[in-house]
Amino acid sequence: MSGMASDHNNSSQEEYIPHYLQKEDPFASKLSREADIIAGFYLTIIGILSTLGNGYVIFMSSKRKKKLRPAEIMTVNLAVCDLGISVVGKPFSIISFFSHRWMFGWIGCRWYGWAGFFFGCGSLITMTAVSLDRYLKICHLSYGTWLKRHHAFICLAIIWAYATFWATVPFAGVGSYAPEPFGTSCTLDWWLAQASVAGQAFVLSILFFCLLFPTAVIVFSYVKIILKVKSSTKEVAHYDTRIQNSHILEMKLTKVAMLICAGFLIAWIPYAVVSVWSAFGRPDSVPIQFSVIPTLLAKSAAMYNPIIYQVIDCKFACCRSGGLKAKSSLKKSRTYTISAHRDSAVMNETQLE
């Protein structure tokens, strides 16, 4: 019976034909023209906001590039990845949505799929590195004494190499890039898992190394940070002002990292669920009109990060300015008290004379 089941499974895989080979024109839009126009305007707004926001973060960071902390260097790298998605990828999909079909053929499809996966993977691995940095900095204090800028640059080299490897693997014949079911965008060929065991191995490898493992590291890091912060808040209060200020800065960077990771995962998890269902569920069971929504949500991930960064940064600046005002008023009161004492001393001396 098991042999018959395996034979049936193999035969069903051999008979499966992906959606982009079932029709003569895989790049024709399967959505209504009105839906394509709405999606085009949506992506245009997302692209403009993302480009301006991430460009601003990069520009402001370049003005103080020699003073950037290792964690801030990683944040800049995240902005570079998001800017790459906006500049390299968004114009292709925007033009295609407004044109009611994919306009750039198979070469453009593979390039668009590669660029989207490359920068998306780079973003997630960067956030994984940031979460590890925050975990070690908060939970293992000795780590911060040896972490230097050159360690951050080594980490960046590893991140770019990792993203390049996994984004380029499909071109080695292991996987592929293909048009989405709705026709006006391209992605990894998740549907290979329906066709062969090798395709299943490829998809599972991508899911583990480029989604599940990094996400697990991020969740582990921030759970440990939350537990550590709860137990150490009272201890920090007993240290001097310099250590307290350093702790506040580290927590500010940690909040930025946590919110950025949360925004990224919220944007990408629905797309990942739909992709996994397309790969291992019943063939063509995901409605075309439904599949476009997670795709558009995932494309908005690059817009959130600069907003989160600026909101937290402004909040921190306001708190810091409040602290400076308090210190200034305290300093003035101390000066007034000292001068009053001096005046009273002079008066006493006069009376004695």
Foldseek 3Di string as FASTA:
>chain_A
DVVVVVVVLQVQLQPDDALCPVDPALFAFPDDLVVLLVLLVLLVVLLVLLLVLLVVLLVVCVVVVVPDFLLSVLLNQLSVLLNQCSPVASVQLSVLSNVRTRDPPPVVQLVNQLSVQLSLLLNLVSLLVSLVVLLCVLVPVVVVVPDGNVVSVVSSVVSNVVSNVLSCVCVVVQWGKDADNRNRHIHTPLQNLSNDPSSVVSNVVCCVPRPVVSVVSNVVSVVSNVVSCVVCVVVQVPDDPVSVVVVVVSVLSVQLSVVLNVLQCVLQVVLVVVSVCCNPNDDPPQDRVRNVVSVSSNSSSSSVNSVSNVVSVVVVVVVVVVVVVVVVVVVVVVVVVVVVVVVVVVVVVVVVD
